[in-house]
């Protein structure tokens, strides 16, 4: 499989904005809301998640549990690109699934938040080896009123090191996670998920896909977990793996069997995803408040991975055999 080296972060500015007046920031908050509403009315993916986070952030801000800038970021940057599809599709898969015990493996924090807010879960484990990000989740959930149902445990281990007996969970989710696990660890990690799942339980997962599989190395250690690799005097780190159908069968289907459900979405125009990602990361003036509408306009469903025009994402639902 080919390795691709990308100078992704010319300047690491993700999540920062240039100097703006409070009126300009409020205008972007309003634009973000109507972008999500328009997307939802048009049948676009994920707008319901965007509006859910928006409402929670607004309530917390009015109750003086968030600063204005915290509210601004949550209202305008709640989700990014493929998360609109992944969150929407994954929750559709598990909407009617009963789950007393739930494990989330390092998904973007607002997917498990939505699950815990909309399903009756007695016990949940939120696993994230990025301890800084996990601490932010632990701090943010109570302030947003997202820790009202059931017992939540925040765990900073890797999946292989999770202290839990086999067959502990009815439902396991991993949104945009397994592509970041290096090849030498991917098989044991998927096998660990299988062992943790009770017979009849469900595993919902999403991963990036491409007609041509490749490993992407980037010039920033995004999660602080990857080994450094030198290339032409520059340091690169394993960023993610883009899967074709053969890799999905090799890694996931060999353990779980065929998926119960699957859906694919991809860029309408080849190259859009990478160009858009580079702009987001390096341009502090990037209009995140239009993200819902932007995704709606530039991505579409596909029937199979070989039909993709470029980069896409697949959502998969597996059920452990009884």
C-alpha atoms as a PDB file:
ATOM      1  CA  UNK A   1       0.000   0.000   0.000  1.00  0.00           C
ATOM      2  CA  UNK A   2       1.346   3.425  -0.975  1.00  0.00           C
ATOM      3  CA  UNK A   3       2.515   5.961   1.615  1.00  0.00           C
ATOM      4  CA  UNK A   4       1.651   9.602   0.896  1.00  0.00           C
ATOM      5  CA  UNK A   5       3.498  12.400   2.706  1.00  0.00           C
ATOM      6  CA  UNK A   6       1.597  15.668   3.100  1.00  0.00           C
ATOM      7  CA  UNK A   7       2.780  19.038   4.409  1.00  0.00           C
ATOM      8  CA  UNK A   8      -0.612  19.613   5.928  1.00  0.00           C
ATOM      9  CA  UNK A   9       0.189  22.138   8.622  1.00  0.00           C
ATOM     10  CA  UNK A  10       2.163  25.048   7.217  1.00  0.00           C
ATOM     11  CA  UNK A  11       1.033  26.959  10.317  1.00  0.00           C
ATOM     12  CA  UNK A  12      -1.001  25.190  12.970  1.00  0.00           C
ATOM     13  CA  UNK A  13      -3.965  27.505  13.377  1.00  0.00           C
ATOM     14  CA  UNK A  14      -6.908  25.146  13.580  1.00  0.00           C
ATOM     15  CA  UNK A  15      -9.561  26.460  15.949  1.00  0.00           C
ATOM     16  CA  UNK A  16      -8.171  30.003  16.007  1.00  0.00           C
ATOM     17  CA  UNK A  17      -9.737  33.110  14.535  1.00  0.00           C
ATOM     18  CA  UNK A  18      -8.445  36.510  13.624  1.00  0.00           C
ATOM     19  CA  UNK A  19      -9.491  39.695  15.455  1.00  0.00           C
ATOM     20  CA  UNK A  20     -13.205  40.330  15.020  1.00  0.00           C
ATOM     21  CA  UNK A  21     -15.797  42.470  16.737  1.00  0.00           C
ATOM     22  CA  UNK A  22     -18.434  40.853  18.920  1.00  0.00           C
ATOM     23  CA  UNK A  23     -21.040  41.909  16.359  1.00  0.00           C
ATOM     24  CA  UNK A  24     -19.140  40.031  13.619  1.00  0.00           C
ATOM     25  CA  UNK A  25     -18.908  36.961  15.825  1.00  0.00           C
ATOM     26  CA  UNK A  26     -22.637  37.102  16.606  1.00  0.00           C
ATOM     27  CA  UNK A  27     -23.353  37.420  12.883  1.00  0.00           C
ATOM     28  CA  UNK A  28     -21.420  34.200  12.302  1.00  0.00           C
ATOM     29  CA  UNK A  29     -23.360  32.477  15.089  1.00  0.00           C
ATOM     30  CA  UNK A  30     -26.632  33.433  13.398  1.00  0.00           C
ATOM     31  CA  UNK A  31     -25.284  32.331  10.009  1.00  0.00           C
ATOM     32  CA  UNK A  32     -24.252  28.999  11.499  1.00  0.00           C
ATOM     33  CA  UNK A  33     -27.754  28.414  12.844  1.00  0.00           C
ATOM     34  CA  UNK A  34     -29.498  29.216   9.565  1.00  0.00           C
ATOM     35  CA  UNK A  35     -26.948  27.204   7.595  1.00  0.00           C
ATOM     36  CA  UNK A  36     -27.863  24.162   9.670  1.00  0.00           C
ATOM     37  CA  UNK A  37     -31.611  24.876   9.402  1.00  0.00           C
ATOM     38  CA  UNK A  38     -31.401  25.264   5.611  1.00  0.00           C
ATOM     39  CA  UNK A  39     -29.404  22.037   5.371  1.00  0.00           C
ATOM     40  CA  UNK A  40     -31.920  20.159   7.477  1.00  0.00           C
ATOM     41  CA  UNK A  41     -34.875  21.423   5.440  1.00  0.00           C
ATOM     42  CA  UNK A  42     -33.037  20.357   2.303  1.00  0.00           C
ATOM     43  CA  UNK A  43     -32.519  16.823   3.624  1.00  0.00           C
ATOM     44  CA  UNK A  44     -28.792  17.188   4.253  1.00  0.00           C
ATOM     45  CA  UNK A  45     -26.886  15.011   6.683  1.00  0.00           C
ATOM     46  CA  UNK A  46     -26.123  15.843  10.290  1.00  0.00           C
ATOM     47  CA  UNK A  47     -27.876  19.192  10.663  1.00  0.00           C
ATOM     48  CA  UNK A  48     -29.862  17.821  13.598  1.00  0.00           C
ATOM     49  CA  UNK A  49     -26.602  17.195  15.466  1.00  0.00           C
ATOM     50  CA  UNK A  50     -25.401  20.703  14.674  1.00  0.00           C
ATOM     51  CA  UNK A  51     -28.624  22.217  16.031  1.00  0.00           C
ATOM     52  CA  UNK A  52     -28.508  19.960  19.103  1.00  0.00           C
ATOM     53  CA  UNK A  53     -25.040  21.247  20.013  1.00  0.00           C
ATOM     54  CA  UNK A  54     -26.085  24.812  19.209  1.00  0.00           C
ATOM     55  CA  UNK A  55     -29.064  24.608  21.605  1.00  0.00           C
ATOM     56  CA  UNK A  56     -26.997  23.089  24.392  1.00  0.00           C
ATOM     57  CA  UNK A  57     -24.314  25.751  24.006  1.00  0.00           C
ATOM     58  CA  UNK A  58     -26.852  28.580  23.954  1.00  0.00           C
ATOM     59  CA  UNK A  59     -28.567  27.303  27.108  1.00  0.00           C
ATOM     60  CA  UNK A  60     -25.228  26.963  28.896  1.00  0.00           C
ATOM     61  CA  UNK A  61     -24.152  30.450  27.829  1.00  0.00           C
ATOM     62  CA  UNK A  62     -27.421  32.008  29.024  1.00  0.00           C
ATOM     63  CA  UNK A  63     -26.968  30.151  32.317  1.00  0.00           C
ATOM     64  CA  UNK A  64     -23.432  31.588  32.587  1.00  0.00           C
ATOM     65  CA  UNK A  65     -21.755  28.202  32.316  1.00  0.00           C
ATOM     66  CA  UNK A  66     -19.883  29.117  29.124  1.00  0.00           C
ATOM     67  CA  UNK A  67     -17.920  32.204  28.177  1.00  0.00           C
ATOM     68  CA  UNK A  68     -18.959  34.043  25.036  1.00  0.00           C
ATOM     69  CA  UNK A  69     -16.007  32.651  23.066  1.00  0.00           C
ATOM     70  CA  UNK A  70     -16.752  29.106  24.240  1.00  0.00           C
ATOM     71  CA  UNK A  71     -20.318  29.584  23.044  1.00  0.00           C
ATOM     72  CA  UNK A  72     -19.078  31.020  19.739  1.00  0.00           C
ATOM     73  CA  UNK A  73     -16.828  28.051  18.993  1.00  0.00           C
ATOM     74  CA  UNK A  74     -19.481  25.480  19.881  1.00  0.00           C
ATOM     75  CA  UNK A  75     -22.139  27.294  17.864  1.00  0.00           C
ATOM     76  CA  UNK A  76     -20.008  27.827  14.759  1.00  0.00           C
ATOM     77  CA  UNK A  77     -17.580  24.894  14.832  1.00  0.00           C
ATOM     78  CA  UNK A  78     -19.532  22.004  16.376  1.00  0.00           C
ATOM     79  CA  UNK A  79     -18.728  19.513  13.611  1.00  0.00           C
ATOM     80  CA  UNK A  80     -16.373  19.236  10.689  1.00  0.00           C
ATOM     81  CA  UNK A  81     -16.859  17.907   7.154  1.00  0.00           C
ATOM     82  CA  UNK A  82     -17.560  14.149   7.159  1.00  0.00           C
ATOM     83  CA  UNK A  83     -18.783  14.251  10.775  1.00  0.00           C
ATOM     84  CA  UNK A  84     -22.127  15.488   9.423  1.00  0.00           C
ATOM     85  CA  UNK A  85     -22.589  12.217   7.559  1.00  0.00           C
ATOM     86  CA  UNK A  86     -20.933   9.966  10.134  1.00  0.00           C
ATOM     87  CA  UNK A  87     -22.938  11.215  13.117  1.00  0.00           C
ATOM     88  CA  UNK A  88     -26.212  11.108  11.199  1.00  0.00           C
ATOM     89  CA  UNK A  89     -25.759   7.669   9.702  1.00  0.00           C
ATOM     90  CA  UNK A  90     -24.309   6.040  12.800  1.00  0.00           C
ATOM     91  CA  UNK A  91     -27.176   7.191  14.998  1.00  0.00           C
ATOM     92  CA  UNK A  92     -29.737   6.081  12.415  1.00  0.00           C
ATOM     93  CA  UNK A  93     -28.206   2.609  12.633  1.00  0.00           C
ATOM     94  CA  UNK A  94     -28.492   2.421  16.421  1.00  0.00           C
ATOM     95  CA  UNK A  95     -31.627   4.499  16.979  1.00  0.00           C
ATOM     96  CA  UNK A  96     -33.705   1.455  18.004  1.00  0.00           C
ATOM     97  CA  UNK A  97     -30.876  -0.552  19.547  1.00  0.00           C
ATOM     98  CA  UNK A  98     -31.238  -1.165  23.281  1.00  0.00           C
ATOM     99  CA  UNK A  99     -27.976  -0.558  25.101  1.00  0.00           C
ATOM    100  CA  UNK A 100     -27.619  -0.845  28.861  1.00  0.00           C
ATOM    101  CA  UNK A 101     -23.815  -0.731  28.622  1.00  0.00           C
ATOM    102  CA  UNK A 102     -22.179   1.513  26.017  1.00  0.00           C
ATOM    103  CA  UNK A 103     -18.544   2.010  25.030  1.00  0.00           C
ATOM    104  CA  UNK A 104     -17.379   4.825  22.800  1.00  0.00           C
ATOM    105  CA  UNK A 105     -13.855   4.581  21.427  1.00  0.00           C
ATOM    106  CA  UNK A 106     -12.450   8.072  20.910  1.00  0.00           C
ATOM    107  CA  UNK A 107     -15.234   9.396  18.675  1.00  0.00           C
ATOM    108  CA  UNK A 108     -15.585  13.183  18.415  1.00  0.00           C
ATOM    109  CA  UNK A 109     -17.158  14.018  21.765  1.00  0.00           C
ATOM    110  CA  UNK A 110     -20.575  15.096  20.576  1.00  0.00           C
ATOM    111  CA  UNK A 111     -21.496  11.750  19.064  1.00  0.00           C
ATOM    112  CA  UNK A 112     -21.477   9.920  22.439  1.00  0.00           C
ATOM    113  CA  UNK A 113     -23.094  13.028  23.956  1.00  0.00           C
ATOM    114  CA  UNK A 114     -25.994  12.693  21.532  1.00  0.00           C
ATOM    115  CA  UNK A 115     -26.265   8.950  22.200  1.00  0.00           C
ATOM    116  CA  UNK A 116     -26.346   9.472  25.960  1.00  0.00           C
ATOM    117  CA  UNK A 117     -28.937  12.240  25.607  1.00  0.00           C
ATOM    118  CA  UNK A 118     -31.281  10.216  23.394  1.00  0.00           C
ATOM    119  CA  UNK A 119     -30.939   6.654  24.661  1.00  0.00           C
ATOM    120  CA  UNK A 120     -31.447   5.079  28.061  1.00  0.00           C
ATOM    121  CA  UNK A 121     -27.938   3.918  28.951  1.00  0.00           C
ATOM    122  CA  UNK A 122     -27.201   2.668  32.461  1.00  0.00           C
ATOM    123  CA  UNK A 123     -23.423   2.558  32.131  1.00  0.00           C
ATOM    124  CA  UNK A 124     -21.107   4.251  29.617  1.00  0.00           C
ATOM    125  CA  UNK A 125     -17.347   4.303  29.145  1.00  0.00           C
ATOM    126  CA  UNK A 126     -15.863   7.114  27.049  1.00  0.00           C
ATOM    127  CA  UNK A 127     -12.400   5.975  25.984  1.00  0.00           C
ATOM    128  CA  UNK A 128      -9.825   8.463  24.704  1.00  0.00           C
ATOM    129  CA  UNK A 129      -6.023   8.117  24.981  1.00  0.00           C
ATOM    130  CA  UNK A 130      -5.667  11.823  24.140  1.00  0.00           C
ATOM    131  CA  UNK A 131      -5.865  12.800  27.809  1.00  0.00           C
ATOM    132  CA  UNK A 132      -6.048  16.541  27.129  1.00  0.00           C
ATOM    133  CA  UNK A 133      -9.064  16.074  24.885  1.00  0.00           C
ATOM    134  CA  UNK A 134     -10.628  13.679  27.394  1.00  0.00           C
ATOM    135  CA  UNK A 135     -10.239  16.276  30.155  1.00  0.00           C
ATOM    136  CA  UNK A 136     -11.992  18.836  27.957  1.00  0.00           C
ATOM    137  CA  UNK A 137     -14.889  16.420  27.507  1.00  0.00           C
ATOM    138  CA  UNK A 138     -15.033  15.749  31.236  1.00  0.00           C
ATOM    139  CA  UNK A 139     -15.171  19.496  31.903  1.00  0.00           C
ATOM    140  CA  UNK A 140     -17.613  20.376  29.129  1.00  0.00           C
ATOM    141  CA  UNK A 141     -20.299  17.699  29.486  1.00  0.00           C
ATOM    142  CA  UNK A 142     -21.629  18.808  32.896  1.00  0.00           C
ATOM    143  CA  UNK A 143     -21.665  22.462  31.834  1.00  0.00           C
ATOM    144  CA  UNK A 144     -23.698  21.589  28.742  1.00  0.00           C
ATOM    145  CA  UNK A 145     -26.089  19.405  30.710  1.00  0.00           C
ATOM    146  CA  UNK A 146     -24.924  16.237  28.931  1.00  0.00           C
ATOM    147  CA  UNK A 147     -24.232  14.095  31.975  1.00  0.00           C
ATOM    148  CA  UNK A 148     -27.709  13.547  33.346  1.00  0.00           C
ATOM    149  CA  UNK A 149     -28.411   9.941  32.373  1.00  0.00           C
ATOM    150  CA  UNK A 150     -26.646   6.867  33.674  1.00  0.00           C
ATOM    151  CA  UNK A 151     -23.112   6.393  34.946  1.00  0.00           C
ATOM    152  CA  UNK A 152     -20.259   7.749  32.780  1.00  0.00           C
ATOM    153  CA  UNK A 153     -16.616   6.717  33.183  1.00  0.00           C
ATOM    154  CA  UNK A 154     -13.908   8.676  31.383  1.00  0.00           C
ATOM    155  CA  UNK A 155     -10.960   6.423  30.516  1.00  0.00           C
ATOM    156  CA  UNK A 156      -7.628   7.582  29.076  1.00  0.00           C
ATOM    157  CA  UNK A 157      -6.371   4.198  27.891  1.00  0.00           C
ATOM    158  CA  UNK A 158      -5.903   2.752  24.444  1.00  0.00           C
ATOM    159  CA  UNK A 159      -8.546   0.202  23.479  1.00  0.00           C
ATOM    160  CA  UNK A 160      -6.085  -2.663  24.009  1.00  0.00           C
ATOM    161  CA  UNK A 161      -5.536  -1.529  27.606  1.00  0.00           C
ATOM    162  CA  UNK A 162      -9.158  -1.021  28.602  1.00  0.00           C
ATOM    163  CA  UNK A 163      -9.817  -2.768  31.910  1.00  0.00           C
ATOM    164  CA  UNK A 164     -13.151  -4.436  31.194  1.00  0.00           C
ATOM    165  CA  UNK A 165     -14.177  -8.103  31.040  1.00  0.00           C
ATOM    166  CA  UNK A 166     -15.088  -9.669  27.713  1.00  0.00           C
ATOM    167  CA  UNK A 167     -18.719  -9.256  26.642  1.00  0.00           C
ATOM    168  CA  UNK A 168     -19.165  -6.113  28.777  1.00  0.00           C
ATOM    169  CA  UNK A 169     -21.042  -3.927  26.265  1.00  0.00           C
ATOM    170  CA  UNK A 170     -24.243  -4.044  24.203  1.00  0.00           C
ATOM    171  CA  UNK A 171     -23.136  -1.179  21.963  1.00  0.00           C
ATOM    172  CA  UNK A 172     -19.727   0.104  20.860  1.00  0.00           C
ATOM    173  CA  UNK A 173     -19.111   3.111  18.630  1.00  0.00           C
ATOM    174  CA  UNK A 174     -15.956   4.409  16.954  1.00  0.00           C
ATOM    175  CA  UNK A 175     -16.473   7.380  14.643  1.00  0.00           C
ATOM    176  CA  UNK A 176     -13.415   8.322  12.586  1.00  0.00           C
ATOM    177  CA  UNK A 177     -10.989   6.440  14.840  1.00  0.00           C
ATOM    178  CA  UNK A 178      -9.645   3.198  13.402  1.00  0.00           C
ATOM    179  CA  UNK A 179      -8.015   4.877  10.411  1.00  0.00           C
ATOM    180  CA  UNK A 180      -5.598   6.507  12.884  1.00  0.00           C
ATOM    181  CA  UNK A 181      -4.426   3.175  14.325  1.00  0.00           C
ATOM    182  CA  UNK A 182      -1.156   2.003  12.683  1.00  0.00           C
ATOM    183  CA  UNK A 183      -1.217  -1.206  10.698  1.00  0.00           C
ATOM    184  CA  UNK A 184       0.661  -3.229  13.306  1.00  0.00           C
ATOM    185  CA  UNK A 185      -2.051  -2.491  15.892  1.00  0.00           C
ATOM    186  CA  UNK A 186      -5.243  -2.477  13.847  1.00  0.00           C
ATOM    187  CA  UNK A 187      -6.021  -6.206  13.946  1.00  0.00           C
ATOM    188  CA  UNK A 188      -5.603  -6.628  17.744  1.00  0.00           C
ATOM    189  CA  UNK A 189      -7.714  -3.501  18.300  1.00  0.00           C
ATOM    190  CA  UNK A 190     -10.606  -4.766  16.185  1.00  0.00           C
ATOM    191  CA  UNK A 191     -10.379  -8.177  17.848  1.00  0.00           C
ATOM    192  CA  UNK A 192     -10.518  -6.448  21.251  1.00  0.00           C
ATOM    193  CA  UNK A 193     -13.747  -4.692  20.211  1.00  0.00           C
ATOM    194  CA  UNK A 194     -15.215  -8.034  19.179  1.00  0.00           C
ATOM    195  CA  UNK A 195     -14.296  -9.587  22.540  1.00  0.00           C
ATOM    196  CA  UNK A 196     -15.766  -6.671  24.511  1.00  0.00           C
ATOM    197  CA  UNK A 197     -19.091  -6.911  22.690  1.00  0.00           C
ATOM    198  CA  UNK A 198     -21.839  -9.162  24.002  1.00  0.00           C
ATOM    199  CA  UNK A 199     -23.343 -11.733  21.610  1.00  0.00           C
ATOM    200  CA  UNK A 200     -26.046  -9.945  19.640  1.00  0.00           C
ATOM    201  CA  UNK A 201     -24.476  -6.562  20.425  1.00  0.00           C
ATOM    202  CA  UNK A 202     -23.721  -3.885  17.824  1.00  0.00           C
ATOM    203  CA  UNK A 203     -20.561  -2.142  16.681  1.00  0.00           C
ATOM    204  CA  UNK A 204     -20.945   1.047  14.630  1.00  0.00           C
ATOM    205  CA  UNK A 205     -17.819   2.383  12.950  1.00  0.00           C
ATOM    206  CA  UNK A 206     -16.834   4.859  10.246  1.00  0.00           C
ATOM    207  CA  UNK A 207     -13.572   5.097   8.302  1.00  0.00           C
ATOM    208  CA  UNK A 208     -12.295   7.072   5.294  1.00  0.00           C
ATOM    209  CA  UNK A 209     -12.277   5.253   1.965  1.00  0.00           C
ATOM    210  CA  UNK A 210     -10.783   5.648  -1.478  1.00  0.00           C
ATOM    211  CA  UNK A 211     -10.750   3.531  -4.655  1.00  0.00           C
ATOM    212  CA  UNK A 212      -6.961   3.460  -4.186  1.00  0.00           C
ATOM    213  CA  UNK A 213      -5.929   2.663  -0.578  1.00  0.00           C
ATOM    214  CA  UNK A 214      -3.034   4.592   0.945  1.00  0.00           C
ATOM    215  CA  UNK A 215      -1.454   5.667   4.229  1.00  0.00           C
ATOM    216  CA  UNK A 216      -1.216   9.398   4.814  1.00  0.00           C
ATOM    217  CA  UNK A 217       1.711  10.812   6.800  1.00  0.00           C
ATOM    218  CA  UNK A 218       1.481  14.426   7.960  1.00  0.00           C
ATOM    219  CA  UNK A 219       3.960  16.918   9.404  1.00  0.00           C
ATOM    220  CA  UNK A 220       2.283  17.239  12.800  1.00  0.00           C
ATOM    221  CA  UNK A 221       1.768  14.720  15.602  1.00  0.00           C
ATOM    222  CA  UNK A 222      -1.939  15.485  15.890  1.00  0.00           C
ATOM    223  CA  UNK A 223      -2.787  13.291  18.877  1.00  0.00           C
ATOM    224  CA  UNK A 224       0.659  13.070  20.470  1.00  0.00           C
ATOM    225  CA  UNK A 225       0.577   9.288  20.095  1.00  0.00           C
ATOM    226  CA  UNK A 226       2.438   8.573  16.870  1.00  0.00           C
ATOM    227  CA  UNK A 227       6.074   7.665  16.235  1.00  0.00           C
ATOM    228  CA  UNK A 228       8.224  10.109  14.334  1.00  0.00           C
ATOM    229  CA  UNK A 229       9.420   9.211  10.849  1.00  0.00           C
ATOM    230  CA  UNK A 230      12.192  11.184   9.156  1.00  0.00           C
ATOM    231  CA  UNK A 231      11.977  11.932   5.439  1.00  0.00           C
ATOM    232  CA  UNK A 232      14.275  14.405   3.666  1.00  0.00           C
ATOM    233  CA  UNK A 233      15.175  16.125   6.945  1.00  0.00           C
ATOM    234  CA  UNK A 234      11.492  16.593   7.769  1.00  0.00           C
ATOM    235  CA  UNK A 235       9.485  14.838  10.500  1.00  0.00           C
ATOM    236  CA  UNK A 236       6.265  13.073   9.576  1.00  0.00           C
ATOM    237  CA  UNK A 237       3.765  11.067  11.587  1.00  0.00           C
ATOM    238  CA  UNK A 238       1.201   8.487  10.583  1.00  0.00           C
ATOM    239  CA  UNK A 239      -2.031  10.429  10.160  1.00  0.00           C
ATOM    240  CA  UNK A 240      -4.610   8.058   8.764  1.00  0.00           C
ATOM    241  CA  UNK A 241      -5.326   5.199   6.417  1.00  0.00           C
ATOM    242  CA  UNK A 242      -7.707   5.429   3.471  1.00  0.00           C
ATOM    243  CA  UNK A 243      -9.350   2.034   2.910  1.00  0.00           C
ATOM    244  CA  UNK A 244     -10.598   0.242  -0.164  1.00  0.00           C
ATOM    245  CA  UNK A 245     -13.121  -2.621  -0.054  1.00  0.00           C
ATOM    246  CA  UNK A 246     -10.365  -5.230   0.262  1.00  0.00           C
ATOM    247  CA  UNK A 247      -8.926  -3.586   3.394  1.00  0.00           C
ATOM    248  CA  UNK A 248     -12.370  -3.347   5.005  1.00  0.00           C
ATOM    249  CA  UNK A 249     -12.895  -7.053   4.417  1.00  0.00           C
ATOM    250  CA  UNK A 250      -9.389  -7.834   5.644  1.00  0.00           C
ATOM    251  CA  UNK A 251      -9.626  -5.825   8.860  1.00  0.00           C
ATOM    252  CA  UNK A 252     -13.300  -5.725   9.869  1.00  0.00           C
ATOM    253  CA  UNK A 253     -15.310  -8.356   8.004  1.00  0.00           C
ATOM    254  CA  UNK A 254     -12.761 -11.096   8.793  1.00  0.00           C
ATOM    255  CA  UNK A 255     -13.650 -10.600  12.477  1.00  0.00           C
ATOM    256  CA  UNK A 256     -17.322  -9.541  12.464  1.00  0.00           C
ATOM    257  CA  UNK A 257     -18.590 -10.996   9.211  1.00  0.00           C
ATOM    258  CA  UNK A 258     -20.524  -8.906   6.716  1.00  0.00           C
ATOM    259  CA  UNK A 259     -21.979  -5.628   8.005  1.00  0.00           C
ATOM    260  CA  UNK A 260     -25.678  -5.422   8.793  1.00  0.00           C
ATOM    261  CA  UNK A 261     -25.808  -1.989   7.159  1.00  0.00           C
ATOM    262  CA  UNK A 262     -23.404   0.245   5.274  1.00  0.00           C
ATOM    263  CA  UNK A 263     -23.509   3.626   3.552  1.00  0.00           C
ATOM    264  CA  UNK A 264     -20.908   5.647   1.638  1.00  0.00           C
ATOM    265  CA  UNK A 265     -20.554   9.347   0.947  1.00  0.00           C
ATOM    266  CA  UNK A 266     -17.843  11.117  -1.008  1.00  0.00           C
ATOM    267  CA  UNK A 267     -16.727  14.345  -2.602  1.00  0.00           C
ATOM    268  CA  UNK A 268     -18.520  15.356  -5.787  1.00  0.00           C
ATOM    269  CA  UNK A 269     -15.321  16.714  -7.317  1.00  0.00           C
ATOM    270  CA  UNK A 270     -12.013  14.884  -6.874  1.00  0.00           C
ATOM    271  CA  UNK A 271      -9.534  16.858  -4.781  1.00  0.00           C
ATOM    272  CA  UNK A 272     -12.104  18.972  -2.963  1.00  0.00           C
ATOM    273  CA  UNK A 273     -11.615  17.268   0.414  1.00  0.00           C
ATOM    274  CA  UNK A 274      -7.851  17.826   0.559  1.00  0.00           C
ATOM    275  CA  UNK A 275      -8.017  21.418  -0.690  1.00  0.00           C
ATOM    276  CA  UNK A 276     -10.789  22.249   1.769  1.00  0.00           C
ATOM    277  CA  UNK A 277      -8.952  20.612   4.679  1.00  0.00           C
ATOM    278  CA  UNK A 278      -5.772  22.567   3.953  1.00  0.00           C
ATOM    279  CA  UNK A 279      -7.717  25.821   3.899  1.00  0.00           C
ATOM    280  CA  UNK A 280      -9.437  25.063   7.202  1.00  0.00           C
ATOM    281  CA  UNK A 281      -6.229  24.312   9.011  1.00  0.00           C
ATOM    282  CA  UNK A 282      -4.105  27.165   7.713  1.00  0.00           C
ATOM    283  CA  UNK A 283      -6.620  29.981   7.195  1.00  0.00           C
ATOM    284  CA  UNK A 284      -7.766  31.632  10.465  1.00  0.00           C
ATOM    285  CA  UNK A 285     -10.563  33.361   8.539  1.00  0.00           C
ATOM    286  CA  UNK A 286     -12.068  30.119   7.228  1.00  0.00           C
ATOM    287  CA  UNK A 287     -15.925  30.441   7.400  1.00  0.00           C
ATOM    288  CA  UNK A 288     -16.707  27.510   9.669  1.00  0.00           C
ATOM    289  CA  UNK A 289     -20.205  28.897  10.222  1.00  0.00           C
ATOM    290  CA  UNK A 290     -21.120  27.680   6.714  1.00  0.00           C
ATOM    291  CA  UNK A 291     -19.852  24.144   7.329  1.00  0.00           C
ATOM    292  CA  UNK A 292     -23.253  22.406   7.327  1.00  0.00           C
ATOM    293  CA  UNK A 293     -24.213  23.973   4.014  1.00  0.00           C
ATOM    294  CA  UNK A 294     -20.751  23.461   2.538  1.00  0.00           C
ATOM    295  CA  UNK A 295     -20.863  19.737   3.234  1.00  0.00           C
ATOM    296  CA  UNK A 296     -24.410  19.525   1.867  1.00  0.00           C
ATOM    297  CA  UNK A 297     -23.331  21.090  -1.419  1.00  0.00           C
ATOM    298  CA  UNK A 298     -20.026  19.298  -2.027  1.00  0.00           C
ATOM    299  CA  UNK A 299     -20.619  15.659  -1.058  1.00  0.00           C
ATOM    300  CA  UNK A 300     -23.056  13.001  -2.227  1.00  0.00           C
ATOM    301  CA  UNK A 301     -23.888   9.311  -1.588  1.00  0.00           C
ATOM    302  CA  UNK A 302     -22.221   6.511  -3.572  1.00  0.00           C
ATOM    303  CA  UNK A 303     -23.216   2.856  -3.901  1.00  0.00           C
ATOM    304  CA  UNK A 304     -19.712   1.356  -3.742  1.00  0.00           C
ATOM    305  CA  UNK A 305     -16.129   2.408  -2.996  1.00  0.00           C
ATOM    306  CA  UNK A 306     -14.840   1.870  -6.581  1.00  0.00           C
ATOM    307  CA  UNK A 307     -17.470   4.362  -7.795  1.00  0.00           C
ATOM    308  CA  UNK A 308     -16.049   7.223  -5.690  1.00  0.00           C
ATOM    309  CA  UNK A 309     -14.689  10.206  -7.589  1.00  0.00           C
ATOM    310  CA  UNK A 310     -12.061  10.681  -4.872  1.00  0.00           C
ATOM    311  CA  UNK A 311     -12.128  10.597  -1.071  1.00  0.00           C
ATOM    312  CA  UNK A 312     -15.127   9.365   0.899  1.00  0.00           C
ATOM    313  CA  UNK A 313     -16.279   7.845   4.175  1.00  0.00           C
ATOM    314  CA  UNK A 314     -18.094   4.588   4.857  1.00  0.00           C
ATOM    315  CA  UNK A 315     -20.357   3.971   7.865  1.00  0.00           C
ATOM    316  CA  UNK A 316     -20.714   0.335   8.917  1.00  0.00           C
ATOM    317  CA  UNK A 317     -22.930  -1.483  11.421  1.00  0.00           C
ATOM    318  CA  UNK A 318     -21.810  -4.924  12.598  1.00  0.00           C
ATOM    319  CA  UNK A 319     -23.664  -7.300  14.887  1.00  0.00           C
ATOM    320  CA  UNK A 320     -21.780  -9.920  16.891  1.00  0.00           C
ATOM    321  CA  UNK A 321     -22.970 -13.408  16.160  1.00  0.00           C
ATOM    322  CA  UNK A 322     -25.089 -15.036  18.874  1.00  0.00           C
END
